[in-house]
Amino acid sequence: MSNVNEILTINNLQGFSIQEFIELLKDKKTLSVQLSEQEIIVLEISQKLKPLPIVEGYVPSGWKSAIYEN
């Protein structure tokens, strides 16, 4: 399974434990699993997003009404 673009099938994965599947995903970074002739699931590892910064300032009262006027 050295090809990153390889598409696995449900039959290929039936013998895998959860731990083996997760290790495979970590190794490949992206996995494609074909469920049927028309359906393919693409799984991709992503990094946890950093929290948004807190900025100084305020939202004026009535802002929502103002955007819908005129």
N, C-alpha and C. Protein backbone atom coordinates (compact mmCIF):
# COMPACT_ATOMS: atom_id res chain seq x y z
N MET A 1 0.82 -1.20 0.00
CA MET A 1 0.00 0.00 0.00
C MET A 1 0.86 1.25 0.00
N SER A 2 1.83 1.31 -0.89
CA SER A 2 2.72 2.45 -0.91
C SER A 2 2.21 3.59 -1.77
N ASN A 3 1.21 3.34 -2.59
CA ASN A 3 0.68 4.38 -3.46
C ASN A 3 -0.31 5.25 -2.70
N VAL A 4 -0.02 6.56 -2.63
CA VAL A 4 -0.88 7.48 -1.88
C VAL A 4 -2.26 7.57 -2.52
N ASN A 5 -2.35 7.43 -3.84
CA ASN A 5 -3.62 7.57 -4.55
C ASN A 5 -4.40 6.26 -4.62
N GLU A 6 -3.92 5.23 -3.97
CA GLU A 6 -4.60 3.94 -4.00
C GLU A 6 -5.98 4.05 -3.35
N ILE A 7 -6.96 3.43 -3.99
CA ILE A 7 -8.32 3.42 -3.46
C ILE A 7 -8.56 2.05 -2.83
N LEU A 8 -8.84 2.05 -1.55
CA LEU A 8 -9.13 0.82 -0.83
C LEU A 8 -10.61 0.51 -0.94
N THR A 9 -10.96 -0.74 -0.72
CA THR A 9 -12.37 -1.13 -0.70
C THR A 9 -12.72 -1.60 0.71
N ILE A 10 -14.00 -1.71 0.96
CA ILE A 10 -14.45 -2.23 2.26
C ILE A 10 -13.86 -3.61 2.50
N ASN A 11 -13.79 -4.43 1.45
CA ASN A 11 -13.22 -5.78 1.60
C ASN A 11 -11.77 -5.73 2.04
N ASN A 12 -10.99 -4.75 1.52
CA ASN A 12 -9.59 -4.60 1.93
C ASN A 12 -9.48 -4.29 3.41
N LEU A 13 -10.45 -3.56 3.94
CA LEU A 13 -10.36 -3.06 5.32
C LEU A 13 -10.99 -3.98 6.36
N GLN A 14 -11.69 -5.01 5.95
CA GLN A 14 -12.41 -5.84 6.90
C GLN A 14 -11.51 -6.51 7.92
N GLY A 15 -10.28 -6.82 7.57
CA GLY A 15 -9.37 -7.47 8.51
C GLY A 15 -8.61 -6.50 9.40
N PHE A 16 -8.77 -5.21 9.20
CA PHE A 16 -8.04 -4.20 9.95
C PHE A 16 -8.70 -3.93 11.30
N SER A 17 -7.89 -3.78 12.32
CA SER A 17 -8.41 -3.30 13.60
C SER A 17 -8.49 -1.77 13.50
N ILE A 18 -9.16 -1.15 14.45
CA ILE A 18 -9.24 0.31 14.48
C ILE A 18 -7.83 0.90 14.58
N GLN A 19 -7.00 0.32 15.43
CA GLN A 19 -5.64 0.84 15.60
C GLN A 19 -4.85 0.73 14.29
N GLU A 20 -4.98 -0.39 13.58
CA GLU A 20 -4.28 -0.55 12.31
C GLU A 20 -4.77 0.47 11.28
N PHE A 21 -6.08 0.70 11.26
CA PHE A 21 -6.65 1.67 10.32
C PHE A 21 -6.13 3.07 10.62
N ILE A 22 -6.08 3.45 11.89
CA ILE A 22 -5.60 4.77 12.27
C ILE A 22 -4.11 4.92 11.93
N GLU A 23 -3.32 3.88 12.17
CA GLU A 23 -1.90 3.93 11.82
C GLU A 23 -1.72 4.07 10.30
N LEU A 24 -2.54 3.37 9.52
CA LEU A 24 -2.49 3.48 8.07
C LEU A 24 -2.83 4.90 7.64
N LEU A 25 -3.85 5.48 8.23
CA LEU A 25 -4.24 6.85 7.91
C LEU A 25 -3.14 7.83 8.29
N LYS A 26 -2.52 7.64 9.45
CA LYS A 26 -1.40 8.51 9.86
C LYS A 26 -0.25 8.41 8.86
N ASP A 27 0.01 7.20 8.38
CA ASP A 27 1.11 6.98 7.45
C ASP A 27 0.82 7.60 6.08
N LYS A 28 -0.39 7.41 5.59
CA LYS A 28 -0.75 7.88 4.25
C LYS A 28 -1.17 9.35 4.21
N LYS A 29 -1.68 9.88 5.32
CA LYS A 29 -2.23 11.24 5.43
C LYS A 29 -3.60 11.37 4.76
N THR A 30 -3.85 10.64 3.69
CA THR A 30 -5.15 10.64 3.01
C THR A 30 -5.47 9.22 2.56
N LEU A 31 -6.70 8.79 2.82
CA LEU A 31 -7.15 7.47 2.37
C LEU A 31 -8.46 7.62 1.61
N SER A 32 -8.57 6.89 0.52
CA SER A 32 -9.83 6.82 -0.23
C SER A 32 -10.38 5.41 -0.08
N VAL A 33 -11.64 5.33 0.31
CA VAL A 33 -12.29 4.03 0.50
C VAL A 33 -13.51 3.99 -0.40
N GLN A 34 -13.54 3.01 -1.31
CA GLN A 34 -14.66 2.88 -2.22
C GLN A 34 -15.73 2.01 -1.58
N LEU A 35 -16.92 2.61 -1.39
CA LEU A 35 -18.05 1.89 -0.79
C LEU A 35 -18.85 1.14 -1.85
N SER A 36 -19.01 1.76 -3.00
CA SER A 36 -19.73 1.15 -4.12
C SER A 36 -19.15 1.75 -5.39
N GLU A 37 -19.70 1.39 -6.53
CA GLU A 37 -19.20 1.95 -7.80
C GLU A 37 -19.39 3.46 -7.86
N GLN A 38 -20.38 3.98 -7.15
CA GLN A 38 -20.67 5.41 -7.20
C GLN A 38 -20.16 6.19 -5.98
N GLU A 39 -19.78 5.51 -4.91
CA GLU A 39 -19.45 6.20 -3.66
C GLU A 39 -18.02 5.92 -3.22
N ILE A 40 -17.28 7.01 -2.98
CA ILE A 40 -15.93 6.92 -2.43
C ILE A 40 -15.84 7.91 -1.27
N ILE A 41 -15.32 7.44 -0.16
CA ILE A 41 -15.08 8.30 1.01
C ILE A 41 -13.60 8.65 1.01
N VAL A 42 -13.29 9.93 1.17
CA VAL A 42 -11.90 10.36 1.27
C VAL A 42 -11.68 10.86 2.70
N LEU A 43 -10.73 10.22 3.39
CA LEU A 43 -10.40 10.58 4.77
C LEU A 43 -9.04 11.26 4.76
N GLU A 44 -8.95 12.37 5.49
CA GLU A 44 -7.71 13.13 5.51
C GLU A 44 -7.41 13.60 6.92
N ILE A 45 -6.17 13.46 7.32
CA ILE A 45 -5.76 13.95 8.64
C ILE A 45 -5.65 15.46 8.56
N SER A 46 -6.13 16.14 9.58
CA SER A 46 -5.99 17.59 9.63
C SER A 46 -5.51 18.00 11.02
N GLN A 47 -4.91 19.14 11.07
CA GLN A 47 -4.41 19.68 12.33
C GLN A 47 -5.54 20.37 13.08
N LYS A 48 -5.46 20.34 14.39
CA LYS A 48 -6.43 21.08 15.19
C LYS A 48 -6.19 22.56 14.97
N LEU A 49 -7.25 23.29 14.72
CA LEU A 49 -7.13 24.73 14.47
C LEU A 49 -6.81 25.47 15.76
N LYS A 50 -5.98 26.50 15.63
CA LYS A 50 -5.69 27.34 16.77
C LYS A 50 -6.92 28.21 17.04
N PRO A 51 -7.15 28.58 18.30
CA PRO A 51 -8.30 29.45 18.58
C PRO A 51 -8.10 30.82 17.93
N LEU A 52 -9.20 31.42 17.57
CA LEU A 52 -9.14 32.76 17.00
C LEU A 52 -8.67 33.76 18.05
N PRO A 53 -7.94 34.78 17.63
CA PRO A 53 -7.49 35.77 18.60
C PRO A 53 -8.66 36.62 19.10
N ILE A 54 -8.54 37.10 20.31
CA ILE A 54 -9.53 38.02 20.87
C ILE A 54 -9.05 39.42 20.56
N VAL A 55 -9.87 40.16 19.87
CA VAL A 55 -9.48 41.51 19.48
C VAL A 55 -10.22 42.53 20.32
N GLU A 56 -9.59 43.67 20.46
CA GLU A 56 -10.24 44.75 21.22
C GLU A 56 -11.31 45.39 20.36
N GLY A 57 -12.29 45.93 21.00
CA GLY A 57 -13.35 46.60 20.28
C GLY A 57 -14.71 46.15 20.79
N TYR A 58 -15.73 46.57 20.11
CA TYR A 58 -17.09 46.23 20.52
C TYR A 58 -18.00 46.22 19.30
N VAL A 59 -19.15 45.65 19.46
CA VAL A 59 -20.17 45.65 18.42
C VAL A 59 -21.23 46.66 18.85
N PRO A 60 -21.44 47.70 18.05
CA PRO A 60 -22.40 48.73 18.45
C PRO A 60 -23.82 48.18 18.52
N SER A 61 -24.60 48.72 19.44
CA SER A 61 -25.99 48.29 19.53
C SER A 61 -26.71 48.70 18.25
N GLY A 62 -27.64 47.87 17.81
CA GLY A 62 -28.39 48.15 16.59
C GLY A 62 -27.67 47.74 15.32
N TRP A 63 -26.54 47.04 15.42
CA TRP A 63 -25.78 46.67 14.23
C TRP A 63 -26.58 45.78 13.29
N LYS A 64 -27.38 44.90 13.88
CA LYS A 64 -28.11 43.97 13.04
C LYS A 64 -29.21 44.68 12.25
N SER A 65 -29.89 45.58 12.89
CA SER A 65 -30.93 46.36 12.19
C SER A 65 -30.31 47.21 11.09
N ALA A 66 -29.14 47.74 11.35
CA ALA A 66 -28.49 48.63 10.39
C ALA A 66 -28.11 47.91 9.09
N ILE A 67 -27.72 46.65 9.17
CA ILE A 67 -27.31 45.97 7.94
C ILE A 67 -28.49 45.61 7.05
N TYR A 68 -29.70 45.61 7.61
CA TYR A 68 -30.88 45.27 6.81
C TYR A 68 -31.65 46.52 6.34
N GLU A 69 -31.23 47.68 6.77
CA GLU A 69 -31.89 48.92 6.33
C GLU A 69 -31.35 49.31 4.97
N ASN A 70 -32.21 49.92 4.16
CA ASN A 70 -31.86 50.41 2.82
C ASN A 70 -31.42 49.27 1.98
